[in-house]
Amino acid sequence: EETVPLICGKTKGVVNIERKGIGYTLKKDTPMAEGDLVE
């Protein structure tokens, strides 16, 4: 985490992430990565 500038904080409701063609629910403390699509 100390090498990643962007990390998921609090979420409310339905928040999804698509990473490398795979979609799933975004959870708190998930490190973000280049190419991620957050919805």
Full PDB file with SEQRES, HELIX, SHEET, SSBOND, CRYST1, ORIGX, SCALE, CONECT and MASTER records, all heavy atoms in Angstrom:
SEQRES   1 A   39  GLU GLU THR VAL PRO LEU ILE CYS GLY LYS THR LYS GLY          
SEQRES   2 A   39  VAL VAL ASN ILE GLU ARG LYS GLY ILE GLY TYR THR LEU          
SEQRES   3 A   39  LYS LYS ASP THR PRO MET ALA GLU GLY ASP LEU VAL GLU          
SHEET    1 AA1 3 ILE A  22  THR A  25  0                                        
SHEET    2 AA1 3 ASN A  16  ARG A  19 -1                                        
SHEET    3 AA1 3 LEU A  37  VAL A  38 -1                                        
CRYST1    1.000    1.000    1.000  90.00  90.00  90.00 P 1           1          
ORIGX1      1.000000  0.000000  0.000000        0.00000                         
ORIGX2      0.000000  1.000000  0.000000        0.00000                         
ORIGX3      0.000000  0.000000  1.000000        0.00000                         
SCALE1      1.000000  0.000000  0.000000        0.00000                         
SCALE2      0.000000  1.000000  0.000000        0.00000                         
SCALE3      0.000000  0.000000  1.000000        0.00000                         
ATOM      1  N   GLU A   1       0.812  -1.215   0.000  1.00  0.00           N  
ATOM      2  CA  GLU A   1       0.000   0.000   0.000  1.00  0.00           C  
ATOM      3  C   GLU A   1       0.849   1.270   0.000  1.00  0.00           C  
ATOM      4  O   GLU A   1       0.445   2.295  -0.523  1.00  0.00           O  
ATOM      5  CB  GLU A   1      -0.938  -0.003   1.216  1.00  0.00           C  
ATOM      6  CG  GLU A   1      -2.030  -1.062   1.114  1.00  0.00           C  
ATOM      7  CD  GLU A   1      -3.060  -0.926   2.214  1.00  0.00           C  
ATOM      8  OE1 GLU A   1      -2.938   0.031   3.008  1.00  0.00           O  
ATOM      9  OE2 GLU A   1      -3.971  -1.764   2.289  1.00  0.00           O  
ATOM     10  N   GLU A   2       2.053   1.193   0.592  1.00  0.00           N  
ATOM     11  CA  GLU A   2       2.863   2.411   0.651  1.00  0.00           C  
ATOM     12  C   GLU A   2       3.379   2.822  -0.721  1.00  0.00           C  
ATOM     13  O   GLU A   2       3.852   3.933  -0.908  1.00  0.00           O  
ATOM     14  CB  GLU A   2       4.049   2.197   1.603  1.00  0.00           C  
ATOM     15  CG  GLU A   2       4.993   1.069   1.221  1.00  0.00           C  
ATOM     16  CD  GLU A   2       4.581  -0.269   1.851  1.00  0.00           C  
ATOM     17  OE1 GLU A   2       3.433  -0.377   2.298  1.00  0.00           O  
ATOM     18  OE2 GLU A   2       5.425  -1.167   1.894  1.00  0.00           O  
ATOM     19  N   THR A   3       3.290   1.935  -1.726  1.00  0.00           N  
ATOM     20  CA  THR A   3       3.732   2.272  -3.076  1.00  0.00           C  
ATOM     21  C   THR A   3       2.578   2.682  -3.976  1.00  0.00           C  
ATOM     22  O   THR A   3       2.786   3.047  -5.123  1.00  0.00           O  
ATOM     23  CB  THR A   3       4.454   1.077  -3.719  1.00  0.00           C  
ATOM     24  OG1 THR A   3       3.525   0.003  -3.888  1.00  0.00           O  
ATOM     25  CG2 THR A   3       5.611   0.610  -2.845  1.00  0.00           C  
ATOM     26  N   VAL A   4       1.338   2.594  -3.474  1.00  0.00           N  
ATOM     27  CA  VAL A   4       0.156   2.931  -4.271  1.00  0.00           C  
ATOM     28  C   VAL A   4      -0.444   4.248  -3.774  1.00  0.00           C  
ATOM     29  O   VAL A   4      -0.775   4.371  -2.600  1.00  0.00           O  
ATOM     30  CB  VAL A   4      -0.907   1.812  -4.183  1.00  0.00           C  
ATOM     31  CG1 VAL A   4      -2.140   2.199  -4.980  1.00  0.00           C  
ATOM     32  CG2 VAL A   4      -0.330   0.507  -4.701  1.00  0.00           C  
ATOM     33  N   PRO A   5      -0.594   5.246  -4.665  1.00  0.00           N  
ATOM     34  CA  PRO A   5      -1.111   6.543  -4.211  1.00  0.00           C  
ATOM     35  C   PRO A   5      -2.618   6.583  -4.012  1.00  0.00           C  
ATOM     36  O   PRO A   5      -3.136   7.503  -3.407  1.00  0.00           O  
ATOM     37  CB  PRO A   5      -0.690   7.482  -5.337  1.00  0.00           C  
ATOM     38  CG  PRO A   5      -0.669   6.613  -6.550  1.00  0.00           C  
ATOM     39  CD  PRO A   5      -0.207   5.262  -6.081  1.00  0.00           C  
ATOM     40  N   LEU A   6      -3.352   5.595  -4.526  1.00  0.00           N  
ATOM     41  CA  LEU A   6      -4.806   5.638  -4.502  1.00  0.00           C  
ATOM     42  C   LEU A   6      -5.367   4.338  -3.924  1.00  0.00           C  
ATOM     43  O   LEU A   6      -5.119   3.255  -4.453  1.00  0.00           O  
ATOM     44  CB  LEU A   6      -5.338   5.845  -5.929  1.00  0.00           C  
ATOM     45  CG  LEU A   6      -6.683   6.560  -6.113  1.00  0.00           C  
ATOM     46  CD1 LEU A   6      -6.663   7.926  -5.451  1.00  0.00           C  
ATOM     47  CD2 LEU A   6      -7.011   6.678  -7.585  1.00  0.00           C  
ATOM     48  N   ILE A   7      -6.106   4.468  -2.814  1.00  0.00           N  
ATOM     49  CA  ILE A   7      -6.667   3.310  -2.118  1.00  0.00           C  
ATOM     50  C   ILE A   7      -8.135   3.568  -1.828  1.00  0.00           C  
ATOM     51  O   ILE A   7      -8.524   4.689  -1.476  1.00  0.00           O  
ATOM     52  CB  ILE A   7      -5.906   3.039  -0.800  1.00  0.00           C  
ATOM     53  CG1 ILE A   7      -4.450   2.687  -1.106  1.00  0.00           C  
ATOM     54  CG2 ILE A   7      -6.564   1.918  -0.005  1.00  0.00           C  
ATOM     55  CD1 ILE A   7      -3.581   2.567   0.118  1.00  0.00           C  
ATOM     56  N   CYS A   8      -8.957   2.557  -1.950  1.00  0.00           N  
ATOM     57  CA  CYS A   8     -10.392   2.698  -1.695  1.00  0.00           C  
ATOM     58  C   CYS A   8     -10.652   2.961  -0.217  1.00  0.00           C  
ATOM     59  O   CYS A   8     -10.142   2.253   0.651  1.00  0.00           O  
ATOM     60  CB  CYS A   8     -11.120   1.436  -2.148  1.00  0.00           C  
ATOM     61  SG  CYS A   8     -12.905   1.502  -1.871  1.00  0.00           S  
ATOM     62  N   GLY A   9     -11.465   3.985   0.055  1.00  0.00           N  
ATOM     63  CA  GLY A   9     -11.865   4.295   1.422  1.00  0.00           C  
ATOM     64  C   GLY A   9     -13.268   3.796   1.694  1.00  0.00           C  
ATOM     65  O   GLY A   9     -13.630   2.675   1.322  1.00  0.00           O  
ATOM     66  N   LYS A  10     -14.099   4.633   2.295  1.00  0.00           N  
ATOM     67  CA  LYS A  10     -15.462   4.233   2.637  1.00  0.00           C  
ATOM     68  C   LYS A  10     -16.311   4.079   1.372  1.00  0.00           C  
ATOM     69  O   LYS A  10     -16.168   4.834   0.414  1.00  0.00           O  
ATOM     70  CB  LYS A  10     -16.106   5.271   3.559  1.00  0.00           C  
ATOM     71  CG  LYS A  10     -15.427   5.412   4.918  1.00  0.00           C  
ATOM     72  CD  LYS A  10     -16.116   6.486   5.747  1.00  0.00           C  
ATOM     73  CE  LYS A  10     -15.441   6.665   7.096  1.00  0.00           C  
ATOM     74  NZ  LYS A  10     -16.080   7.740   7.900  1.00  0.00           N  
ATOM     75  N   THR A  11     -17.216   3.113   1.394  1.00  0.00           N  
ATOM     76  CA  THR A  11     -18.158   2.921   0.305  1.00  0.00           C  
ATOM     77  C   THR A  11     -19.580   2.922   0.847  1.00  0.00           C  
ATOM     78  O   THR A  11     -19.814   2.535   1.989  1.00  0.00           O  
ATOM     79  CB  THR A  11     -17.910   1.594  -0.444  1.00  0.00           C  
ATOM     80  OG1 THR A  11     -18.150   0.501   0.455  1.00  0.00           O  
ATOM     81  CG2 THR A  11     -16.494   1.519  -0.978  1.00  0.00           C  
ATOM     82  N   LYS A  12     -20.512   3.365   0.029  1.00  0.00           N  
ATOM     83  CA  LYS A  12     -21.940   3.339   0.379  1.00  0.00           C  
ATOM     84  C   LYS A  12     -22.721   2.900  -0.838  1.00  0.00           C  
ATOM     85  O   LYS A  12     -22.580   3.463  -1.914  1.00  0.00           O  
ATOM     86  CB  LYS A  12     -22.412   4.734   0.826  1.00  0.00           C  
ATOM     87  CG  LYS A  12     -23.873   4.757   1.269  1.00  0.00           C  
ATOM     88  CD  LYS A  12     -24.325   6.159   1.626  1.00  0.00           C  
ATOM     89  CE  LYS A  12     -24.573   6.993   0.388  1.00  0.00           C  
ATOM     90  NZ  LYS A  12     -25.211   8.301   0.692  1.00  0.00           N  
ATOM     91  N   GLY A  13     -23.547   1.872  -0.681  1.00  0.00           N  
ATOM     92  CA  GLY A  13     -24.309   1.373  -1.805  1.00  0.00           C  
ATOM     93  C   GLY A  13     -23.484   0.446  -2.676  1.00  0.00           C  
ATOM     94  O   GLY A  13     -22.452  -0.085  -2.268  1.00  0.00           O  
ATOM     95  N   VAL A  14     -23.940   0.268  -3.903  1.00  0.00           N  
ATOM     96  CA  VAL A  14     -23.298  -0.669  -4.829  1.00  0.00           C  
ATOM     97  C   VAL A  14     -22.195   0.039  -5.606  1.00  0.00           C  
ATOM     98  O   VAL A  14     -22.459   0.956  -6.383  1.00  0.00           O  
ATOM     99  CB  VAL A  14     -24.330  -1.265  -5.812  1.00  0.00           C  
ATOM    100  CG1 VAL A  14     -23.646  -2.228  -6.777  1.00  0.00           C  
ATOM    101  CG2 VAL A  14     -25.433  -1.974  -5.046  1.00  0.00           C  
ATOM    102  N   VAL A  15     -20.948  -0.403  -5.384  1.00  0.00           N  
ATOM    103  CA  VAL A  15     -19.783   0.151  -6.075  1.00  0.00           C  
ATOM    104  C   VAL A  15     -19.018  -1.013  -6.704  1.00  0.00           C  
ATOM    105  O   VAL A  15     -18.606  -1.942  -5.999  1.00  0.00           O  
ATOM    106  CB  VAL A  15     -18.862   0.929  -5.125  1.00  0.00           C  
ATOM    107  CG1 VAL A  15     -17.691   1.530  -5.899  1.00  0.00           C  
ATOM    108  CG2 VAL A  15     -19.629   2.016  -4.392  1.00  0.00           C  
ATOM    109  N   ASN A  16     -18.833  -0.971  -8.007  1.00  0.00           N  
ATOM    110  CA  ASN A  16     -18.158  -2.054  -8.717  1.00  0.00           C  
ATOM    111  C   ASN A  16     -16.838  -1.583  -9.293  1.00  0.00           C  
ATOM    112  O   ASN A  16     -16.641  -0.387  -9.548  1.00  0.00           O  
ATOM    113  CB  ASN A  16     -19.042  -2.588  -9.857  1.00  0.00           C  
ATOM    114  CG  ASN A  16     -20.342  -3.185  -9.350  1.00  0.00           C  
ATOM    115  OD1 ASN A  16     -20.378  -3.803  -8.283  1.00  0.00           O  
ATOM    116  ND2 ASN A  16     -21.412  -2.997 -10.103  1.00  0.00           N  
ATOM    117  N   ILE A  17     -15.945  -2.553  -9.511  1.00  0.00           N  
ATOM    118  CA  ILE A  17     -14.669  -2.266 -10.154  1.00  0.00           C  
ATOM    119  C   ILE A  17     -14.429  -3.309 -11.226  1.00  0.00           C  
ATOM    120  O   ILE A  17     -14.745  -4.486 -11.040  1.00  0.00           O  
ATOM    121  CB  ILE A  17     -13.507  -2.268  -9.125  1.00  0.00           C  
ATOM    122  CG1 ILE A  17     -12.170  -1.981  -9.833  1.00  0.00           C  
ATOM    123  CG2 ILE A  17     -13.449  -3.584  -8.369  1.00  0.00           C  
ATOM    124  CD1 ILE A  17     -11.006  -1.810  -8.872  1.00  0.00           C  
ATOM    125  N   GLU A  18     -13.912  -2.886 -12.355  1.00  0.00           N  
ATOM    126  CA  GLU A  18     -13.507  -3.808 -13.419  1.00  0.00           C  
ATOM    127  C   GLU A  18     -11.996  -3.701 -13.568  1.00  0.00           C  
ATOM    128  O   GLU A  18     -11.462  -2.629 -13.848  1.00  0.00           O  
ATOM    129  CB  GLU A  18     -14.196  -3.452 -14.728  1.00  0.00           C  
ATOM    130  CG  GLU A  18     -13.854  -4.412 -15.861  1.00  0.00           C  
ATOM    131  CD  GLU A  18     -14.561  -4.077 -17.146  1.00  0.00           C  
ATOM    132  OE1 GLU A  18     -15.779  -3.813 -17.094  1.00  0.00           O  
ATOM    133  OE2 GLU A  18     -13.895  -4.062 -18.201  1.00  0.00           O  
ATOM    134  N   ARG A  19     -11.309  -4.835 -13.369  1.00  0.00           N  
ATOM    135  CA  ARG A  19      -9.842  -4.859 -13.445  1.00  0.00           C  
ATOM    136  C   ARG A  19      -9.407  -6.017 -14.325  1.00  0.00           C  
ATOM    137  O   ARG A  19      -9.767  -7.165 -14.076  1.00  0.00           O  
ATOM    138  CB  ARG A  19      -9.238  -4.982 -12.052  1.00  0.00           C  
ATOM    139  CG  ARG A  19      -7.714  -5.104 -12.030  1.00  0.00           C  
ATOM    140  CD  ARG A  19      -7.189  -5.123 -10.610  1.00  0.00           C  
ATOM    141  NE  ARG A  19      -7.389  -3.844  -9.948  1.00  0.00           N  
ATOM    142  CZ  ARG A  19      -7.104  -3.633  -8.651  1.00  0.00           C  
ATOM    143  NH1 ARG A  19      -6.657  -4.624  -7.897  1.00  0.00           N  
ATOM    144  NH2 ARG A  19      -7.292  -2.436  -8.123  1.00  0.00           N  
ATOM    145  N   LYS A  20      -8.676  -5.715 -15.374  1.00  0.00           N  
ATOM    146  CA  LYS A  20      -8.173  -6.725 -16.306  1.00  0.00           C  
ATOM    147  C   LYS A  20      -9.304  -7.596 -16.852  1.00  0.00           C  
ATOM    148  O   LYS A  20      -9.178  -8.820 -16.970  1.00  0.00           O  
ATOM    149  CB  LYS A  20      -7.104  -7.584 -15.631  1.00  0.00           C  
ATOM    150  CG  LYS A  20      -5.877  -6.782 -15.197  1.00  0.00           C  
ATOM    151  CD  LYS A  20      -4.816  -7.659 -14.565  1.00  0.00           C  
ATOM    152  CE  LYS A  20      -3.601  -6.818 -14.194  1.00  0.00           C  
ATOM    153  NZ  LYS A  20      -2.539  -7.630 -13.544  1.00  0.00           N  
ATOM    154  N   GLY A  21     -10.447  -6.938 -17.122  1.00  0.00           N  
ATOM    155  CA  GLY A  21     -11.569  -7.638 -17.714  1.00  0.00           C  
ATOM    156  C   GLY A  21     -12.432  -8.403 -16.740  1.00  0.00           C  
ATOM    157  O   GLY A  21     -13.410  -9.039 -17.145  1.00  0.00           O  
ATOM    158  N   ILE A  22     -12.113  -8.344 -15.440  1.00  0.00           N  
ATOM    159  CA  ILE A  22     -12.884  -9.050 -14.423  1.00  0.00           C  
ATOM    160  C   ILE A  22     -13.582  -8.034 -13.531  1.00  0.00           C  
ATOM    161  O   ILE A  22     -12.951  -7.118 -13.000  1.00  0.00           O  
ATOM    162  CB  ILE A  22     -11.976  -9.963 -13.569  1.00  0.00           C  
ATOM    163  CG1 ILE A  22     -11.277 -10.990 -14.466  1.00  0.00           C  
ATOM    164  CG2 ILE A  22     -12.793 -10.669 -12.485  1.00  0.00           C  
ATOM    165  CD1 ILE A  22     -10.281 -11.858 -13.734  1.00  0.00           C  
ATOM    166  N   GLY A  23     -14.887  -8.175 -13.354  1.00  0.00           N  
ATOM    167  CA  GLY A  23     -15.651  -7.250 -12.531  1.00  0.00           C  
ATOM    168  C   GLY A  23     -16.035  -7.854 -11.200  1.00  0.00           C  
ATOM    169  O   GLY A  23     -16.361  -9.037 -11.113  1.00  0.00           O  
ATOM    170  N   TYR A  24     -15.980  -7.036 -10.157  1.00  0.00           N  
ATOM    171  CA  TYR A  24     -16.373  -7.488  -8.825  1.00  0.00           C  
ATOM    172  C   TYR A  24     -16.683  -6.268  -7.966  1.00  0.00           C  
ATOM    173  O   TYR A  24     -16.460  -5.115  -8.381  1.00  0.00           O  
ATOM    174  CB  TYR A  24     -15.286  -8.354  -8.170  1.00  0.00           C  
ATOM    175  CG  TYR A  24     -13.914  -7.711  -8.108  1.00  0.00           C  
ATOM    176  CD1 TYR A  24     -13.495  -7.006  -6.972  1.00  0.00           C  
ATOM    177  CD2 TYR A  24     -13.028  -7.821  -9.170  1.00  0.00           C  
ATOM    178  CE1 TYR A  24     -12.243  -6.435  -6.918  1.00  0.00           C  
ATOM    179  CE2 TYR A  24     -11.768  -7.241  -9.118  1.00  0.00           C  
ATOM    180  CZ  TYR A  24     -11.385  -6.550  -7.992  1.00  0.00           C  
ATOM    181  OH  TYR A  24     -10.135  -5.969  -7.936  1.00  0.00           O  
ATOM    182  N   THR A  25     -17.199  -6.508  -6.754  1.00  0.00           N  
ATOM    183  CA  THR A  25     -17.561  -5.419  -5.852  1.00  0.00           C  
ATOM    184  C   THR A  25     -16.313  -4.805  -5.230  1.00  0.00           C  
ATOM    185  O   THR A  25     -15.444  -5.519  -4.726  1.00  0.00           O  
ATOM    186  CB  THR A  25     -18.491  -5.938  -4.740  1.00  0.00           C  
ATOM    187  OG1 THR A  25     -19.665  -6.490  -5.331  1.00  0.00           O  
ATOM    188  CG2 THR A  25     -18.889  -4.802  -3.805  1.00  0.00           C  
ATOM    189  N   LEU A  26     -16.239  -3.485  -5.264  1.00  0.00           N  
ATOM    190  CA  LEU A  26     -15.096  -2.784  -4.697  1.00  0.00           C  
ATOM    191  C   LEU A  26     -15.237  -2.711  -3.179  1.00  0.00           C  
ATOM    192  O   LEU A  26     -16.280  -2.310  -2.662  1.00  0.00           O  
ATOM    193  CB  LEU A  26     -14.994  -1.376  -5.287  1.00  0.00           C  
ATOM    194  CG  LEU A  26     -13.805  -0.521  -4.831  1.00  0.00           C  
ATOM    195  CD1 LEU A  26     -12.485  -1.196  -5.193  1.00  0.00           C  
ATOM    196  CD2 LEU A  26     -13.875   0.865  -5.463  1.00  0.00           C  
ATOM    197  N   LYS A  27     -14.195  -3.111  -2.469  1.00  0.00           N  
ATOM    198  CA  LYS A  27     -14.209  -3.128  -1.004  1.00  0.00           C  
ATOM    199  C   LYS A  27     -13.222  -2.095  -0.446  1.00  0.00           C  
ATOM    200  O   LYS A  27     -12.256  -1.696  -1.117  1.00  0.00           O  
ATOM    201  CB  LYS A  27     -13.830  -4.520  -0.485  1.00  0.00           C  
ATOM    202  CG  LYS A  27     -14.759  -5.635  -0.948  1.00  0.00           C  
ATOM    203  CD  LYS A  27     -16.103  -5.542  -0.283  1.00  0.00           C  
ATOM    204  CE  LYS A  27     -17.013  -6.701  -0.687  1.00  0.00           C  
ATOM    205  NZ  LYS A  27     -16.511  -8.001  -0.246  1.00  0.00           N  
ATOM    206  N   LYS A  28     -13.469  -1.700   0.787  1.00  0.00           N  
ATOM    207  CA  LYS A  28     -12.589  -0.757   1.469  1.00  0.00           C  
ATOM    208  C   LYS A  28     -11.177  -1.323   1.574  1.00  0.00           C  
ATOM    209  O   LYS A  28     -10.993  -2.534   1.734  1.00  0.00           O  
ATOM    210  CB  LYS A  28     -13.143  -0.447   2.861  1.00  0.00           C  
ATOM    211  CG  LYS A  28     -12.343   0.598   3.621  1.00  0.00           C  
ATOM    212  CD  LYS A  28     -12.942   0.860   4.992  1.00  0.00           C  
ATOM    213  CE  LYS A  28     -12.113   1.898   5.744  1.00  0.00           C  
ATOM    214  NZ  LYS A  28     -12.626   2.132   7.108  1.00  0.00           N  
ATOM    215  N   ASP A  29     -10.182  -0.448   1.473  1.00  0.00           N  
ATOM    216  CA  ASP A  29      -8.749  -0.763   1.584  1.00  0.00           C  
ATOM    217  C   ASP A  29      -8.193  -1.467   0.346  1.00  0.00           C  
ATOM    218  O   ASP A  29      -7.040  -1.898   0.348  1.00  0.00           O  
ATOM    219  CB  ASP A  29      -8.455  -1.616   2.825  1.00  0.00           C  
ATOM    220  CG  ASP A  29      -8.781  -0.900   4.119  1.00  0.00           C  
ATOM    221  OD1 ASP A  29      -8.658   0.346   4.143  1.00  0.00           O  
ATOM    222  OD2 ASP A  29      -9.172  -1.567   5.092  1.00  0.00           O  
ATOM    223  N   THR A  30      -8.987  -1.560  -0.728  1.00  0.00           N  
ATOM    224  CA  THR A  30      -8.465  -2.149  -1.965  1.00  0.00           C  
ATOM    225  C   THR A  30      -7.535  -1.156  -2.653  1.00  0.00           C  
ATOM    226  O   THR A  30      -7.944  -0.030  -2.948  1.00  0.00           O  
ATOM    227  CB  THR A  30      -9.608  -2.514  -2.933  1.00  0.00           C  
ATOM    228  OG1 THR A  30     -10.458  -3.470  -2.320  1.00  0.00           O  
ATOM    229  CG2 THR A  30      -9.062  -3.073  -4.231  1.00  0.00           C  
ATOM    230  N   PRO A  31      -6.257  -1.536  -2.918  1.00  0.00           N  
ATOM    231  CA  PRO A  31      -5.361  -0.637  -3.654  1.00  0.00           C  
ATOM    232  C   PRO A  31      -5.832  -0.512  -5.105  1.00  0.00           C  
ATOM    233  O   PRO A  31      -6.195  -1.512  -5.730  1.00  0.00           O  
ATOM    234  CB  PRO A  31      -4.002  -1.336  -3.574  1.00  0.00           C  
ATOM    235  CG  PRO A  31      -4.142  -2.353  -2.485  1.00  0.00           C  
ATOM    236  CD  PRO A  31      -5.578  -2.766  -2.498  1.00  0.00           C  
ATOM    237  N   MET A  32      -5.851   0.682  -5.630  1.00  0.00           N  
ATOM    238  CA  MET A  32      -6.267   0.893  -7.015  1.00  0.00           C  
ATOM    239  C   MET A  32      -5.075   0.660  -7.939  1.00  0.00           C  
ATOM    240  O   MET A  32      -3.922   0.719  -7.527  1.00  0.00           O  
ATOM    241  CB  MET A  32      -6.821   2.300  -7.201  1.00  0.00           C  
ATOM    242  CG  MET A  32      -7.930   2.669  -6.214  1.00  0.00           C  
ATOM    243  SD  MET A  32      -9.280   1.468  -6.147  1.00  0.00           S  
ATOM    244  CE  MET A  32      -9.932   1.630  -7.803  1.00  0.00           C  
ATOM    245  N   ALA A  33      -5.369   0.393  -9.208  1.00  0.00           N  
ATOM    246  CA  ALA A  33      -4.323   0.128 -10.187  1.00  0.00           C  
ATOM    247  C   ALA A  33      -4.653   0.800 -11.504  1.00  0.00           C  
ATOM    248  O   ALA A  33      -5.821   1.089 -11.804  1.00  0.00           O  
ATOM    249  CB  ALA A  33      -4.167  -1.384 -10.389  1.00  0.00           C  
ATOM    250  N   GLU A  34      -3.628   1.057 -12.291  1.00  0.00           N  
ATOM    251  CA  GLU A  34      -3.821   1.676 -13.593  1.00  0.00           C  
ATOM    252  C   GLU A  34      -4.695   0.782 -14.467  1.00  0.00           C  
ATOM    253  O   GLU A  34      -4.491  -0.433 -14.535  1.00  0.00           O  
ATOM    254  CB  GLU A  34      -2.464   1.896 -14.261  1.00  0.00           C  
ATOM    255  CG  GLU A  34      -2.522   2.707 -15.541  1.00  0.00           C  
ATOM    256  CD  GLU A  34      -1.155   3.108 -16.027  1.00  0.00           C  
ATOM    257  OE1 GLU A  34      -0.318   3.498 -15.190  1.00  0.00           O  
ATOM    258  OE2 GLU A  34      -0.921   3.007 -17.248  1.00  0.00           O  
ATOM    259  N   GLY A  35      -5.687   1.380 -15.115  1.00  0.00           N  
ATOM    260  CA  GLY A  35      -6.605   0.625 -15.961  1.00  0.00           C  
ATOM    261  C   GLY A  35      -7.900   0.250 -15.274  1.00  0.00           C  
ATOM    262  O   GLY A  35      -8.829  -0.242 -15.933  1.00  0.00           O  
ATOM    263  N   ASP A  36      -7.994   0.462 -13.951  1.00  0.00           N  
ATOM    264  CA  ASP A  36      -9.226   0.141 -13.227  1.00  0.00           C  
ATOM    265  C   ASP A  36     -10.368   1.033 -13.692  1.00  0.00           C  
ATOM    266  O   ASP A  36     -10.179   2.225 -13.946  1.00  0.00           O  
ATOM    267  CB  ASP A  36      -9.039   0.337 -11.720  1.00  0.00           C  
ATOM    268  CG  ASP A  36      -8.191  -0.750 -11.089  1.00  0.00           C  
ATOM    269  OD1 ASP A  36      -7.909  -1.745 -11.770  1.00  0.00           O  
ATOM    270  OD2 ASP A  36      -7.810  -0.597  -9.913  1.00  0.00           O  
ATOM    271  N   LEU A  37     -11.564   0.443 -13.784  1.00  0.00           N  
ATOM    272  CA  LEU A  37     -12.777   1.194 -14.067  1.00  0.00           C  
ATOM    273  C   LEU A  37     -13.691   1.066 -12.862  1.00  0.00           C  
ATOM    274  O   LEU A  37     -14.115  -0.035 -12.518  1.00  0.00           O  
ATOM    275  CB  LEU A  37     -13.483   0.661 -15.317  1.00  0.00           C  
ATOM    276  CG  LEU A  37     -14.807   1.344 -15.686  1.00  0.00           C  
ATOM    277  CD1 LEU A  37     -14.581   2.808 -16.026  1.00  0.00           C  
ATOM    278  CD2 LEU A  37     -15.487   0.631 -16.847  1.00  0.00           C  
ATOM    279  N   VAL A  38     -13.969   2.188 -12.190  1.00  0.00           N  
ATOM    280  CA  VAL A  38     -14.818   2.198 -10.999  1.00  0.00           C  
ATOM    281  C   VAL A  38     -16.181   2.728 -11.392  1.00  0.00           C  
ATOM    282  O   VAL A  38     -16.297   3.759 -12.064  1.00  0.00           O  
ATOM    283  CB  VAL A  38     -14.208   3.072  -9.888  1.00  0.00           C  
ATOM    284  CG1 VAL A  38     -15.096   3.058  -8.648  1.00  0.00           C  
ATOM    285  CG2 VAL A  38     -12.803   2.581  -9.539  1.00  0.00           C  
ATOM    286  N   GLU A  39     -17.231   2.027 -10.946  1.00  0.00           N  
ATOM    287  CA  GLU A  39     -18.602   2.411 -11.286  1.00  0.00           C  
ATOM    288  C   GLU A  39     -19.461   2.429 -10.029  1.00  0.00           C  
ATOM    289  O   GLU A  39     -19.483   1.461  -9.271  1.00  0.00           O  
ATOM    290  CB  GLU A  39     -19.199   1.435 -12.297  1.00  0.00           C  
ATOM    291  CG  GLU A  39     -20.642   1.742 -12.676  1.00  0.00           C  
ATOM    292  CD  GLU A  39     -21.266   0.661 -13.526  1.00  0.00           C  
ATOM    293  OE1 GLU A  39     -20.820  -0.505 -13.429  1.00  0.00           O  
ATOM    294  OE2 GLU A  39     -22.202   0.977 -14.274  1.00  0.00           O  
TER     295      GLU A  39                                                      
MASTER        0    0    0    0    3    0    0    6  294    1    0    3          
END                                                                             
